């Protein structure tokens, strides 16, 4: 029974024999085949993410990656010590930013180390190219880590399939294409590796594997704020195992070493600091650690004192609840005493989808923080969304310690992905793992070579010959012989062939047809998934945000390079210390591409400063001029998509108003920008407050004179499908400095005040 189970790989936890049930060659060839499949998965993961480089060029995408690239370049030029102490005076003017203490340095250190090693080997590579290709390289490593995790949970064949699935899954590709130089590019690898090492340490109880898990967790902490998933999921796994009565010495060693070593290492990351011992998000790990010690102590007393089961139960019911109550009371007192930070607003927004929209509009204004619909799930997971529940069922059907972990992983990741669109990224790896388990089980059942497996081929052949000679059904005697032969072969009674399977084996034709139909259906689904992934990656996730494309009436593709055109103009035509005010979305790009000082950027650490910029954008020109003068603003940049039909600052304007209203409720009110029907309009149905706002005037200046086509009137906004309501726009304190070719980026210069206030000319009055 054990040998048959290992060969089929259907229920084994981590053996490498999952391929044997498919009629695979000997073990040496199996290792070579596994290595070849993993290598191909790595190559596919890398090459499928290069569409943007092939179509455009080697360039950094999006917004956050531009800061990461700028920080990495500073690290390679000045060294790690100066990087940790770097005060960036070109960000958040006039406040500045201490970069070393406000970033997760794992991404920058990884890229800088690779750049240093390559140059040490006399492979001359620019740091920009290392940053561009870092995520595709680590996507291959993620495939390997997923293979290791799935092999520990199920078997080797499922692991190889999981590696292939995650190599092309859009849910992971969206954050790891070439040029997407962001923390998630390396963090998902660290996440999967940490989970694999945790499962390995629980299965073995080895201090070595537990220390390796702690080191991987430390890398995750240094790379991404998503390490909170690990520091809460692992304690949850331990707690559930305790409640299930699965406590063991292996579990005690694994979690004790992981918590202690991981805690000490995480304190070394400057941005994290003392959060692991002072933040409420980390208290679950500490509580489970204390509970595990109390649980182990009670068991020690039982063995030491020789207590009877009844006495042990009484002691257990006395000590463990008391420890839990004492720990909870201490946590509450420390929180109210100010020693432990309370739950953050970001935590509440994960549990209450409407919390951020009411209390933290800055978080709610980001599209990826919105609650997703069903469409993103199908778009990013495709058929895996339907198959991974089957894999979860297979794991729960044959449960053990590590499969409890993957079940908790799947449920928690599914919940958080349903709350926030961005977290579909954390759901994708476990979906690939469980889908691979489901597909692997189907293939192992319907592709298994039944002729040599149990030595009952002769009995089956004899039964078929007997049936042909008699012309009737199988006799009861032959059926008993078949069951007896199966028992002698070591089959488990509960896993033996059913009557339907016996009937298929007797008749031959229907069994073969059924196997072929099922296998072809599974292969067809996998082929559909591969085609979908390739299409999505090449069309939706391989376009740099700074380079846009449109398709002309004749089918030709036009490249729109307005962003880089505008940033290059800023770099070449403004003073080196010029200060540029724009909405925070574009701060990193302005600093990275134009190399100019920004007022706010994508770090969003200071809500009041962002609200002040939002107030300036929402105010009339005179009021905005006073704010801009207080911030020493030289240029103002806005994004306008009315010509191309793209999203722009007009589309984001209500979020600017809401953020500003949170800090300045007496000066900015959202209802002033909505008409009597509560509608947000830019046409004749808009409000006077809207028409006088700085954003409206900067976006639509001279636009009323522009006629885009013969069928549309002058001043027709393609993004909103309406003719603007105010066409005669002029400025007193600003002047237009630059407008890109497609009007996508518009830059205005802030006029300097006169040396003295002008005096009124009055006629002299002669008094009698």
Foldseek 3Di string as FASTA:
>chain_A
DVVLCQQCLQADQFEANVCNLLVDDDPVVSVVVLVVLLVVLLVLLQVLQCLLCVVPHQAAFFFVLLLLLVLLVCCLVPHDVCSLQDWACQAQPPVTDRRNQQALCLLSVVLSVVCVVCVVVVNHDDSSQSLQRVLSNLLSLLLVLQLLQLSNGTRNQLSSQLSNCSSLFQLQSLCRHGNNRALSSNLSSLVSNLLSLLSVQLVPLDLVSLVVSLVSLLSNLSRDPVSLCVLQLLLVLLVVCVVVVNDDSSSLSNLVSNVVSNQVSSCVRSNCHCQCPAEPSNVSSVLSNQLSVQVVVLVVCCVVVVDDPVVSVVVCVPRNVVSNVVSVVVVVVCCVVPRHPYDDQVVVCLVPVCSCVPPPLVQVLDPQFHQDDCVLVCLRHPCLVVQLVVLLVSCVVNDDSSNSSLNSQQVVLVSSCRRGVSSSSSNVSSSSSSSSSRLSSLCSVLSRDPCPSQPCNVLLVVQLVVCVVVVDDGDPVSVVVSVVSNVVSPDDVVPDDDPVVSVCSNVVPVSNVVSVVSVVVSVVSVVVSNVSSSVCSNPPSNHRPQWDWDADPVRDIDIDRQNLVVLVCLQPPHDLAAEEEEQQSCQSVNCSRNVYRYSHHDSCPDLQSNLLSLLLQLAFQVVVLVSCVVSVHFKYKWFECQQPLDDTCLNSNLSSLVSNCVVCVPRGDSVQFAAPVRDRDQALRTHPSRCRGNNNLQLQAQQQVDDNDPVGHGQQGNNVRHRGHDRDHDDDQWDWDDAGPSRRMTMIGGHDDDPDDDDDDDDDDDDD
